[in-house]
Amino acid sequence: MSPSPRVHSFPVLQWNAGGLSQSKRTEFLMILHEKEIDVFSIMEANLTSENLKNYLFKEYSLYVLPNFKQVASGIKKELTARCQERINSRFSHYKSNGN
């Protein structure tokens, strides 16, 4: 009988904070510890490098992705353009077939 393959896990957690508070931070730290999370991301609209200093997490490196509105609007713009192209393509095909 061959040995079972080793399974390596890399737990990742994504959290939509909905506002950061000390009580949420405490709860989040408990989850990180209990689930042995290796990597996590926090989505928080008003998070800046400056106020991130109030929410340090031992054993983790923290980074802030600035200009979140520009990222979101860029994604929206691209999706809108692709949807419009698809609609135009289907309408042209429909129209050229005499329907």
PDB file of N, CA and C in Angstrom:
ATOM      1  N   MET A   1       0.848  -1.178   0.000  1.00  0.00           N
ATOM      2  CA  MET A   1       0.000   0.000   0.000  1.00  0.00           C
ATOM      3  C   MET A   1       0.890   1.236   0.000  1.00  0.00           C
ATOM      4  N   SER A   2       0.651   2.139  -0.943  1.00  0.00           N
ATOM      5  CA  SER A   2       1.483   3.340  -1.029  1.00  0.00           C
ATOM      6  C   SER A   2       1.042   4.373   0.014  1.00  0.00           C
ATOM      7  N   PRO A   3       1.985   5.177   0.477  1.00  0.00           N
ATOM      8  CA  PRO A   3       1.633   6.184   1.488  1.00  0.00           C
ATOM      9  C   PRO A   3       0.712   7.253   0.901  1.00  0.00           C
ATOM     10  N   SER A   4      -0.099   7.815   1.744  1.00  0.00           N
ATOM     11  CA  SER A   4      -1.003   8.887   1.313  1.00  0.00           C
ATOM     12  C   SER A   4      -0.190  10.115   0.926  1.00  0.00           C
ATOM     13  N   PRO A   5      -0.619  10.819  -0.116  1.00  0.00           N
ATOM     14  CA  PRO A   5       0.110  12.035  -0.494  1.00  0.00           C
ATOM     15  C   PRO A   5      -0.042  13.096   0.597  1.00  0.00           C
ATOM     16  N   ARG A   6       0.995  13.893   0.766  1.00  0.00           N
ATOM     17  CA  ARG A   6       0.937  14.973   1.751  1.00  0.00           C
ATOM     18  C   ARG A   6       0.109  16.112   1.182  1.00  0.00           C
ATOM     19  N   VAL A   7      -0.722  16.633   2.005  1.00  0.00           N
ATOM     20  CA  VAL A   7      -1.563  17.753   1.592  1.00  0.00           C
ATOM     21  C   VAL A   7      -1.064  18.997   2.307  1.00  0.00           C
ATOM     22  N   HIS A   8      -0.768  20.018   1.528  1.00  0.00           N
ATOM     23  CA  HIS A   8      -0.323  21.289   2.090  1.00  0.00           C
ATOM     24  C   HIS A   8      -1.444  22.299   1.900  1.00  0.00           C
ATOM     25  N   SER A   9      -1.769  22.979   2.952  1.00  0.00           N
ATOM     26  CA  SER A   9      -2.828  23.980   2.825  1.00  0.00           C
ATOM     27  C   SER A   9      -2.225  25.374   2.933  1.00  0.00           C
ATOM     28  N   PHE A  10      -2.936  26.322   2.391  1.00  0.00           N
ATOM     29  CA  PHE A  10      -2.532  27.722   2.399  1.00  0.00           C
ATOM     30  C   PHE A  10      -3.797  28.537   2.638  1.00  0.00           C
ATOM     31  N   PRO A  11      -4.256  28.586   3.891  1.00  0.00           N
ATOM     32  CA  PRO A  11      -5.529  29.245   4.189  1.00  0.00           C
ATOM     33  C   PRO A  11      -5.496  30.744   3.906  1.00  0.00           C
ATOM     34  N   VAL A  12      -6.522  31.209   3.195  1.00  0.00           N
ATOM     35  CA  VAL A  12      -6.663  32.616   2.838  1.00  0.00           C
ATOM     36  C   VAL A  12      -8.032  33.079   3.309  1.00  0.00           C
ATOM     37  N   LEU A  13      -8.093  34.298   3.826  1.00  0.00           N
ATOM     38  CA  LEU A  13      -9.353  34.854   4.320  1.00  0.00           C
ATOM     39  C   LEU A  13      -9.569  36.230   3.716  1.00  0.00           C
ATOM     40  N   GLN A  14     -10.764  36.473   3.223  1.00  0.00           N
ATOM     41  CA  GLN A  14     -11.147  37.782   2.694  1.00  0.00           C
ATOM     42  C   GLN A  14     -12.263  38.320   3.574  1.00  0.00           C
ATOM     43  N   TRP A  15     -12.133  39.574   4.009  1.00  0.00           N
ATOM     44  CA  TRP A  15     -13.096  40.147   4.950  1.00  0.00           C
ATOM     45  C   TRP A  15     -13.548  41.512   4.474  1.00  0.00           C
ATOM     46  N   ASN A  16     -14.850  41.680   4.316  1.00  0.00           N
ATOM     47  CA  ASN A  16     -15.435  42.986   4.020  1.00  0.00           C
ATOM     48  C   ASN A  16     -15.777  43.610   5.365  1.00  0.00           C
ATOM     49  N   ALA A  17     -14.929  44.520   5.838  1.00  0.00           N
ATOM     50  CA  ALA A  17     -14.984  45.007   7.215  1.00  0.00           C
ATOM     51  C   ALA A  17     -16.237  45.806   7.538  1.00  0.00           C
ATOM     52  N   GLY A  18     -16.708  46.631   6.626  1.00  0.00           N
ATOM     53  CA  GLY A  18     -17.876  47.459   6.939  1.00  0.00           C
ATOM     54  C   GLY A  18     -17.597  48.407   8.092  1.00  0.00           C
ATOM     55  N   GLY A  19     -16.389  48.945   8.124  1.00  0.00           N
ATOM     56  CA  GLY A  19     -15.968  49.833   9.211  1.00  0.00           C
ATOM     57  C   GLY A  19     -15.099  49.066  10.186  1.00  0.00           C
ATOM     58  N   LEU A  20     -13.992  49.661  10.560  1.00  0.00           N
ATOM     59  CA  LEU A  20     -13.074  48.996  11.482  1.00  0.00           C
ATOM     60  C   LEU A  20     -13.279  49.517  12.896  1.00  0.00           C
ATOM     61  N   SER A  21     -13.353  48.621  13.834  1.00  0.00           N
ATOM     62  CA  SER A  21     -13.463  48.983  15.248  1.00  0.00           C
ATOM     63  C   SER A  21     -12.579  48.026  16.033  1.00  0.00           C
ATOM     64  N   GLN A  22     -12.288  48.377  17.273  1.00  0.00           N
ATOM     65  CA  GLN A  22     -11.455  47.502  18.100  1.00  0.00           C
ATOM     66  C   GLN A  22     -12.136  46.155  18.347  1.00  0.00           C
ATOM     67  N   SER A  23     -13.450  46.161  18.520  1.00  0.00           N
ATOM     68  CA  SER A  23     -14.141  44.884  18.764  1.00  0.00           C
ATOM     69  C   SER A  23     -14.077  43.982  17.528  1.00  0.00           C
ATOM     70  N   LYS A  24     -14.216  44.568  16.336  1.00  0.00           N
ATOM     71  CA  LYS A  24     -14.094  43.774  15.109  1.00  0.00           C
ATOM     72  C   LYS A  24     -12.670  43.256  14.951  1.00  0.00           C
ATOM     73  N   ARG A  25     -11.691  44.105  15.299  1.00  0.00           N
ATOM     74  CA  ARG A  25     -10.290  43.690  15.211  1.00  0.00           C
ATOM     75  C   ARG A  25     -10.039  42.497  16.130  1.00  0.00           C
ATOM     76  N   THR A  26     -10.545  42.551  17.347  1.00  0.00           N
ATOM     77  CA  THR A  26     -10.369  41.460  18.303  1.00  0.00           C
ATOM     78  C   THR A  26     -10.985  40.168  17.777  1.00  0.00           C
ATOM     79  N   GLU A  27     -12.195  40.265  17.249  1.00  0.00           N
ATOM     80  CA  GLU A  27     -12.867  39.088  16.684  1.00  0.00           C
ATOM     81  C   GLU A  27     -12.085  38.538  15.492  1.00  0.00           C
ATOM     82  N   PHE A  28     -11.605  39.439  14.650  1.00  0.00           N
ATOM     83  CA  PHE A  28     -10.843  39.044  13.470  1.00  0.00           C
ATOM     84  C   PHE A  28      -9.550  38.331  13.873  1.00  0.00           C
ATOM     85  N   LEU A  29      -8.861  38.842  14.900  1.00  0.00           N
ATOM     86  CA  LEU A  29      -7.639  38.200  15.384  1.00  0.00           C
ATOM     87  C   LEU A  29      -7.908  36.784  15.873  1.00  0.00           C
ATOM     88  N   MET A  30      -9.033  36.582  16.535  1.00  0.00           N
ATOM     89  CA  MET A  30      -9.399  35.243  17.002  1.00  0.00           C
ATOM     90  C   MET A  30      -9.587  34.298  15.823  1.00  0.00           C
ATOM     91  N   ILE A  31     -10.250  34.775  14.779  1.00  0.00           N
ATOM     92  CA  ILE A  31     -10.470  33.949  13.585  1.00  0.00           C
ATOM     93  C   ILE A  31      -9.141  33.613  12.919  1.00  0.00           C
ATOM     94  N   LEU A  32      -8.257  34.617  12.784  1.00  0.00           N
ATOM     95  CA  LEU A  32      -6.943  34.373  12.184  1.00  0.00           C
ATOM     96  C   LEU A  32      -6.195  33.275  12.931  1.00  0.00           C
ATOM     97  N   HIS A  33      -6.257  33.328  14.235  1.00  0.00           N
ATOM     98  CA  HIS A  33      -5.552  32.342  15.063  1.00  0.00           C
ATOM     99  C   HIS A  33      -6.219  30.962  14.985  1.00  0.00           C
ATOM    100  N   GLU A  34      -7.541  30.916  15.155  1.00  0.00           N
ATOM    101  CA  GLU A  34      -8.258  29.633  15.158  1.00  0.00           C
ATOM    102  C   GLU A  34      -8.143  28.894  13.834  1.00  0.00           C
ATOM    103  N   LYS A  35      -8.232  29.628  12.736  1.00  0.00           N
ATOM    104  CA  LYS A  35      -8.217  29.009  11.403  1.00  0.00           C
ATOM    105  C   LYS A  35      -6.811  28.903  10.819  1.00  0.00           C
ATOM    106  N   GLU A  36      -5.816  29.419  11.564  1.00  0.00           N
ATOM    107  CA  GLU A  36      -4.424  29.407  11.116  1.00  0.00           C
ATOM    108  C   GLU A  36      -4.286  30.006   9.715  1.00  0.00           C
ATOM    109  N   ILE A  37      -4.793  31.215   9.556  1.00  0.00           N
ATOM    110  CA  ILE A  37      -4.807  31.912   8.270  1.00  0.00           C
ATOM    111  C   ILE A  37      -3.404  32.393   7.916  1.00  0.00           C
ATOM    112  N   ASP A  38      -2.976  32.118   6.673  1.00  0.00           N
ATOM    113  CA  ASP A  38      -1.667  32.563   6.197  1.00  0.00           C
ATOM    114  C   ASP A  38      -1.730  33.938   5.550  1.00  0.00           C
ATOM    115  N   VAL A  39      -2.785  34.181   4.788  1.00  0.00           N
ATOM    116  CA  VAL A  39      -2.939  35.439   4.057  1.00  0.00           C
ATOM    117  C   VAL A  39      -4.360  35.926   4.243  1.00  0.00           C
ATOM    118  N   PHE A  40      -4.525  37.236   4.455  1.00  0.00           N
ATOM    119  CA  PHE A  40      -5.875  37.785   4.537  1.00  0.00           C
ATOM    120  C   PHE A  40      -5.927  39.126   3.833  1.00  0.00           C
ATOM    121  N   SER A  41      -7.127  39.486   3.401  1.00  0.00           N
ATOM    122  CA  SER A  41      -7.352  40.813   2.824  1.00  0.00           C
ATOM    123  C   SER A  41      -8.563  41.421   3.515  1.00  0.00           C
ATOM    124  N   ILE A  42      -8.475  42.726   3.718  1.00  0.00           N
ATOM    125  CA  ILE A  42      -9.581  43.471   4.321  1.00  0.00           C
ATOM    126  C   ILE A  42     -10.054  44.486   3.291  1.00  0.00           C
ATOM    127  N   MET A  43     -11.335  44.439   2.965  1.00  0.00           N
ATOM    128  CA  MET A  43     -11.926  45.442   2.093  1.00  0.00           C
ATOM    129  C   MET A  43     -12.580  46.482   2.988  1.00  0.00           C
ATOM    130  N   GLU A  44     -12.051  47.675   2.927  1.00  0.00           N
ATOM    131  CA  GLU A  44     -12.586  48.768   3.729  1.00  0.00           C
ATOM    132  C   GLU A  44     -12.390  50.054   2.943  1.00  0.00           C
ATOM    133  N   ALA A  45     -13.485  50.711   2.605  1.00  0.00           N
ATOM    134  CA  ALA A  45     -13.448  51.886   1.740  1.00  0.00           C
ATOM    135  C   ALA A  45     -12.622  53.028   2.316  1.00  0.00           C
ATOM    136  N   ASN A  46     -12.651  53.228   3.605  1.00  0.00           N
ATOM    137  CA  ASN A  46     -11.986  54.389   4.196  1.00  0.00           C
ATOM    138  C   ASN A  46     -10.642  54.059   4.825  1.00  0.00           C
ATOM    139  N   LEU A  47     -10.063  52.948   4.485  1.00  0.00           N
ATOM    140  CA  LEU A  47      -8.781  52.554   5.055  1.00  0.00           C
ATOM    141  C   LEU A  47      -7.646  53.276   4.339  1.00  0.00           C
ATOM    142  N   THR A  48      -6.753  53.871   5.109  1.00  0.00           N
ATOM    143  CA  THR A  48      -5.573  54.538   4.562  1.00  0.00           C
ATOM    144  C   THR A  48      -4.341  53.977   5.256  1.00  0.00           C
ATOM    145  N   SER A  49      -3.181  54.264   4.695  1.00  0.00           N
ATOM    146  CA  SER A  49      -1.935  53.831   5.327  1.00  0.00           C
ATOM    147  C   SER A  49      -1.822  54.409   6.725  1.00  0.00           C
ATOM    148  N   GLU A  50      -2.300  55.634   6.894  1.00  0.00           N
ATOM    149  CA  GLU A  50      -2.205  56.303   8.196  1.00  0.00           C
ATOM    150  C   GLU A  50      -3.061  55.611   9.258  1.00  0.00           C
ATOM    151  N   ASN A  51      -4.352  55.354   8.960  1.00  0.00           N
ATOM    152  CA  ASN A  51      -5.186  54.729   9.996  1.00  0.00           C
ATOM    153  C   ASN A  51      -4.965  53.221  10.101  1.00  0.00           C
ATOM    154  N   LEU A  52      -4.246  52.639   9.148  1.00  0.00           N
ATOM    155  CA  LEU A  52      -3.897  51.220   9.241  1.00  0.00           C
ATOM    156  C   LEU A  52      -2.953  50.971  10.421  1.00  0.00           C
ATOM    157  N   LYS A  53      -2.189  51.998  10.798  1.00  0.00           N
ATOM    158  CA  LYS A  53      -1.254  51.872  11.923  1.00  0.00           C
ATOM    159  C   LYS A  53      -1.979  51.511  13.217  1.00  0.00           C
ATOM    160  N   ASN A  54      -3.253  51.838  13.315  1.00  0.00           N
ATOM    161  CA  ASN A  54      -4.045  51.515  14.505  1.00  0.00           C
ATOM    162  C   ASN A  54      -4.496  50.055  14.532  1.00  0.00           C
ATOM    163  N   TYR A  55      -4.284  49.334  13.444  1.00  0.00           N
ATOM    164  CA  TYR A  55      -4.787  47.963  13.330  1.00  0.00           C
ATOM    165  C   TYR A  55      -3.684  46.988  12.936  1.00  0.00           C
ATOM    166  N   LEU A  56      -2.537  47.097  13.589  1.00  0.00           N
ATOM    167  CA  LEU A  56      -1.431  46.199  13.268  1.00  0.00           C
ATOM    168  C   LEU A  56      -1.753  44.767  13.688  1.00  0.00           C
ATOM    169  N   PHE A  57      -1.300  43.822  12.901  1.00  0.00           N
ATOM    170  CA  PHE A  57      -1.507  42.404  13.167  1.00  0.00           C
ATOM    171  C   PHE A  57      -0.133  41.750  13.246  1.00  0.00           C
ATOM    172  N   LYS A  58       0.232  41.254  14.433  1.00  0.00           N
ATOM    173  CA  LYS A  58       1.532  40.602  14.595  1.00  0.00           C
ATOM    174  C   LYS A  58       1.671  39.467  13.595  1.00  0.00           C
ATOM    175  N   GLU A  59       2.886  39.275  13.128  1.00  0.00           N
ATOM    176  CA  GLU A  59       3.239  38.187  12.218  1.00  0.00           C
ATOM    177  C   GLU A  59       2.676  38.359  10.808  1.00  0.00           C
ATOM    178  N   TYR A  60       2.084  39.501  10.507  1.00  0.00           N
ATOM    179  CA  TYR A  60       1.566  39.764   9.164  1.00  0.00           C
ATOM    180  C   TYR A  60       2.156  41.070   8.648  1.00  0.00           C
ATOM    181  N   SER A  61       2.431  41.114   7.349  1.00  0.00           N
ATOM    182  CA  SER A  61       2.825  42.358   6.695  1.00  0.00           C
ATOM    183  C   SER A  61       1.569  42.967   6.104  1.00  0.00           C
ATOM    184  N   LEU A  62       1.404  44.265   6.264  1.00  0.00           N
ATOM    185  CA  LEU A  62       0.188  44.929   5.798  1.00  0.00           C
ATOM    186  C   LEU A  62       0.494  45.888   4.658  1.00  0.00           C
ATOM    187  N   TYR A  63      -0.410  45.935   3.686  1.00  0.00           N
ATOM    188  CA  TYR A  63      -0.288  46.812   2.531  1.00  0.00           C
ATOM    189  C   TYR A  63      -1.649  47.435   2.262  1.00  0.00           C
ATOM    190  N   VAL A  64      -1.634  48.642   1.716  1.00  0.00           N
ATOM    191  CA  VAL A  64      -2.876  49.326   1.358  1.00  0.00           C
ATOM    192  C   VAL A  64      -2.890  49.516  -0.151  1.00  0.00           C
ATOM    193  N   LEU A  65      -3.998  49.177  -0.780  1.00  0.00           N
ATOM    194  CA  LEU A  65      -4.187  49.443  -2.200  1.00  0.00           C
ATOM    195  C   LEU A  65      -4.938  50.759  -2.307  1.00  0.00           C
ATOM    196  N   PRO A  66      -4.247  51.842  -2.650  1.00  0.00           N
ATOM    197  CA  PRO A  66      -4.918  53.145  -2.717  1.00  0.00           C
ATOM    198  C   PRO A  66      -5.769  53.278  -3.974  1.00  0.00           C
ATOM    199  N   ASN A  67      -6.540  54.336  -4.008  1.00  0.00           N
ATOM    200  CA  ASN A  67      -7.353  54.677  -5.181  1.00  0.00           C
ATOM    201  C   ASN A  67      -8.352  53.593  -5.532  1.00  0.00           C
ATOM    202  N   PHE A  68      -8.999  53.029  -4.524  1.00  0.00           N
ATOM    203  CA  PHE A  68      -9.945  51.940  -4.746  1.00  0.00           C
ATOM    204  C   PHE A  68     -11.055  52.340  -5.693  1.00  0.00           C
ATOM    205  N   LYS A  69     -11.481  53.607  -5.649  1.00  0.00           N
ATOM    206  CA  LYS A  69     -12.570  54.038  -6.527  1.00  0.00           C
ATOM    207  C   LYS A  69     -12.129  53.977  -7.979  1.00  0.00           C
ATOM    208  N   GLN A  70     -10.866  54.317  -8.237  1.00  0.00           N
ATOM    209  CA  GLN A  70     -10.368  54.252  -9.606  1.00  0.00           C
ATOM    210  C   GLN A  70     -10.310  52.814 -10.088  1.00  0.00           C
ATOM    211  N   VAL A  71      -9.934  51.905  -9.233  1.00  0.00           N
ATOM    212  CA  VAL A  71      -9.882  50.492  -9.609  1.00  0.00           C
ATOM    213  C   VAL A  71     -11.287  49.994  -9.921  1.00  0.00           C
ATOM    214  N   ALA A  72     -12.229  50.288  -9.020  1.00  0.00           N
ATOM    215  CA  ALA A  72     -13.608  49.837  -9.217  1.00  0.00           C
ATOM    216  C   ALA A  72     -14.214  50.441 -10.475  1.00  0.00           C
ATOM    217  N   SER A  73     -13.993  51.730 -10.713  1.00  0.00           N
ATOM    218  CA  SER A  73     -14.585  52.355 -11.895  1.00  0.00           C
ATOM    219  C   SER A  73     -13.932  51.834 -13.169  1.00  0.00           C
ATOM    220  N   GLY A  74     -12.644  51.477 -13.103  1.00  0.00           N
ATOM    221  CA  GLY A  74     -11.974  50.897 -14.266  1.00  0.00           C
ATOM    222  C   GLY A  74     -12.556  49.542 -14.628  1.00  0.00           C
ATOM    223  N   ILE A  75     -12.829  48.728 -13.631  1.00  0.00           N
ATOM    224  CA  ILE A  75     -13.456  47.424 -13.859  1.00  0.00           C
ATOM    225  C   ILE A  75     -14.844  47.614 -14.446  1.00  0.00           C
ATOM    226  N   LYS A  76     -15.613  48.537 -13.874  1.00  0.00           N
ATOM    227  CA  LYS A  76     -16.969  48.800 -14.363  1.00  0.00           C
ATOM    228  C   LYS A  76     -16.936  49.270 -15.812  1.00  0.00           C
ATOM    229  N   LYS A  77     -16.018  50.165 -16.139  1.00  0.00           N
ATOM    230  CA  LYS A  77     -15.912  50.700 -17.500  1.00  0.00           C
ATOM    231  C   LYS A  77     -15.598  49.584 -18.497  1.00  0.00           C
ATOM    232  N   GLU A  78     -14.657  48.709 -18.146  1.00  0.00           N
ATOM    233  CA  GLU A  78     -14.282  47.606 -19.027  1.00  0.00           C
ATOM    234  C   GLU A  78     -15.437  46.628 -19.226  1.00  0.00           C
ATOM    235  N   LEU A  79     -16.126  46.270 -18.158  1.00  0.00           N
ATOM    236  CA  LEU A  79     -17.265  45.358 -18.275  1.00  0.00           C
ATOM    237  C   LEU A  79     -18.379  45.961 -19.116  1.00  0.00           C
ATOM    238  N   THR A  80     -18.641  47.246 -18.915  1.00  0.00           N
ATOM    239  CA  THR A  80     -19.676  47.929 -19.695  1.00  0.00           C
ATOM    240  C   THR A  80     -19.335  47.899 -21.178  1.00  0.00           C
ATOM    241  N   ALA A  81     -18.078  48.186 -21.513  1.00  0.00           N
ATOM    242  CA  ALA A  81     -17.649  48.190 -22.914  1.00  0.00           C
ATOM    243  C   ALA A  81     -17.790  46.799 -23.534  1.00  0.00           C
ATOM    244  N   ARG A  82     -17.389  45.770 -22.813  1.00  0.00           N
ATOM    245  CA  ARG A  82     -17.486  44.403 -23.348  1.00  0.00           C
ATOM    246  C   ARG A  82     -18.940  43.971 -23.542  1.00  0.00           C
ATOM    247  N   CYS A  83     -19.799  44.334 -22.612  1.00  0.00           N
ATOM    248  CA  CYS A  83     -21.224  44.000 -22.750  1.00  0.00           C
ATOM    249  C   CYS A  83     -21.819  44.715 -23.955  1.00  0.00           C
ATOM    250  N   GLN A  84     -21.457  45.985 -24.132  1.00  0.00           N
ATOM    251  CA  GLN A  84     -21.980  46.751 -25.263  1.00  0.00           C
ATOM    252  C   GLN A  84     -21.515  46.149 -26.583  1.00  0.00           C
ATOM    253  N   GLU A  85     -20.253  45.727 -26.665  1.00  0.00           N
ATOM    254  CA  GLU A  85     -19.737  45.078 -27.873  1.00  0.00           C
ATOM    255  C   GLU A  85     -20.537  43.821 -28.193  1.00  0.00           C
ATOM    256  N   ARG A  86     -20.813  43.037 -27.195  1.00  0.00           N
ATOM    257  CA  ARG A  86     -21.552  41.788 -27.387  1.00  0.00           C
ATOM    258  C   ARG A  86     -22.978  42.074 -27.862  1.00  0.00           C
ATOM    259  N   ILE A  87     -23.617  43.069 -27.266  1.00  0.00           N
ATOM    260  CA  ILE A  87     -24.980  43.441 -27.669  1.00  0.00           C
ATOM    261  C   ILE A  87     -24.979  43.909 -29.112  1.00  0.00           C
ATOM    262  N   ASN A  88     -24.032  44.779 -29.462  1.00  0.00           N
ATOM    263  CA  ASN A  88     -23.956  45.291 -30.835  1.00  0.00           C
ATOM    264  C   ASN A  88     -23.709  44.170 -31.831  1.00  0.00           C
ATOM    265  N   SER A  89     -22.835  43.231 -31.478  1.00  0.00           N
ATOM    266  CA  SER A  89     -22.527  42.111 -32.359  1.00  0.00           C
ATOM    267  C   SER A  89     -23.761  41.244 -32.597  1.00  0.00           C
ATOM    268  N   ARG A  90     -24.479  40.942 -31.556  1.00  0.00           N
ATOM    269  CA  ARG A  90     -25.677  40.109 -31.695  1.00  0.00           C
ATOM    270  C   ARG A  90     -26.772  40.835 -32.469  1.00  0.00           C
ATOM    271  N   PHE A  91     -26.909  42.142 -32.228  1.00  0.00           N
ATOM    272  CA  PHE A  91     -27.933  42.907 -32.931  1.00  0.00           C
ATOM    273  C   PHE A  91     -27.605  42.972 -34.418  1.00  0.00           C
ATOM    274  N   SER A  92     -26.308  43.188 -34.758  1.00  0.00           N
ATOM    275  CA  SER A  92     -25.897  43.241 -36.166  1.00  0.00           C
ATOM    276  C   SER A  92     -26.156  41.913 -36.852  1.00  0.00           C
ATOM    277  N   HIS A  93     -25.857  40.807 -36.183  1.00  0.00           N
ATOM    278  CA  HIS A  93     -26.089  39.475 -36.740  1.00  0.00           C
ATOM    279  C   HIS A  93     -27.588  39.250 -36.962  1.00  0.00           C
ATOM    280  N   TYR A  94     -28.380  39.633 -36.005  1.00  0.00           N
ATOM    281  CA  TYR A  94     -29.829  39.489 -36.079  1.00  0.00           C
ATOM    282  C   TYR A  94     -30.380  40.313 -37.239  1.00  0.00           C
ATOM    283  N   LYS A  95     -29.901  41.558 -37.366  1.00  0.00           N
ATOM    284  CA  LYS A  95     -30.376  42.474 -38.407  1.00  0.00           C
ATOM    285  C   LYS A  95     -29.949  41.993 -39.800  1.00  0.00           C
ATOM    286  N   SER A  96     -28.714  41.468 -39.933  1.00  0.00           N
ATOM    287  CA  SER A  96     -28.220  41.025 -41.239  1.00  0.00           C
ATOM    288  C   SER A  96     -28.931  39.768 -41.730  1.00  0.00           C
ATOM    289  N   ASN A  97     -29.553  39.025 -40.847  1.00  0.00           N
ATOM    290  CA  ASN A  97     -30.297  37.831 -41.234  1.00  0.00           C
ATOM    291  C   ASN A  97     -31.734  38.155 -41.617  1.00  0.00           C
ATOM    292  N   GLY A  98     -32.054  39.451 -41.683  1.00  0.00           N
ATOM    293  CA  GLY A  98     -33.379  39.857 -42.125  1.00  0.00           C
ATOM    294  C   GLY A  98     -34.459  39.706 -41.088  1.00  0.00           C
ATOM    295  N   ASN A  99     -34.111  39.598 -39.837  1.00  0.00           N
ATOM    296  CA  ASN A  99     -35.112  39.449 -38.776  1.00  0.00           C
ATOM    297  C   ASN A  99     -35.518  40.782 -38.220  1.00  0.00           C
TER     298      ASN A  99
END
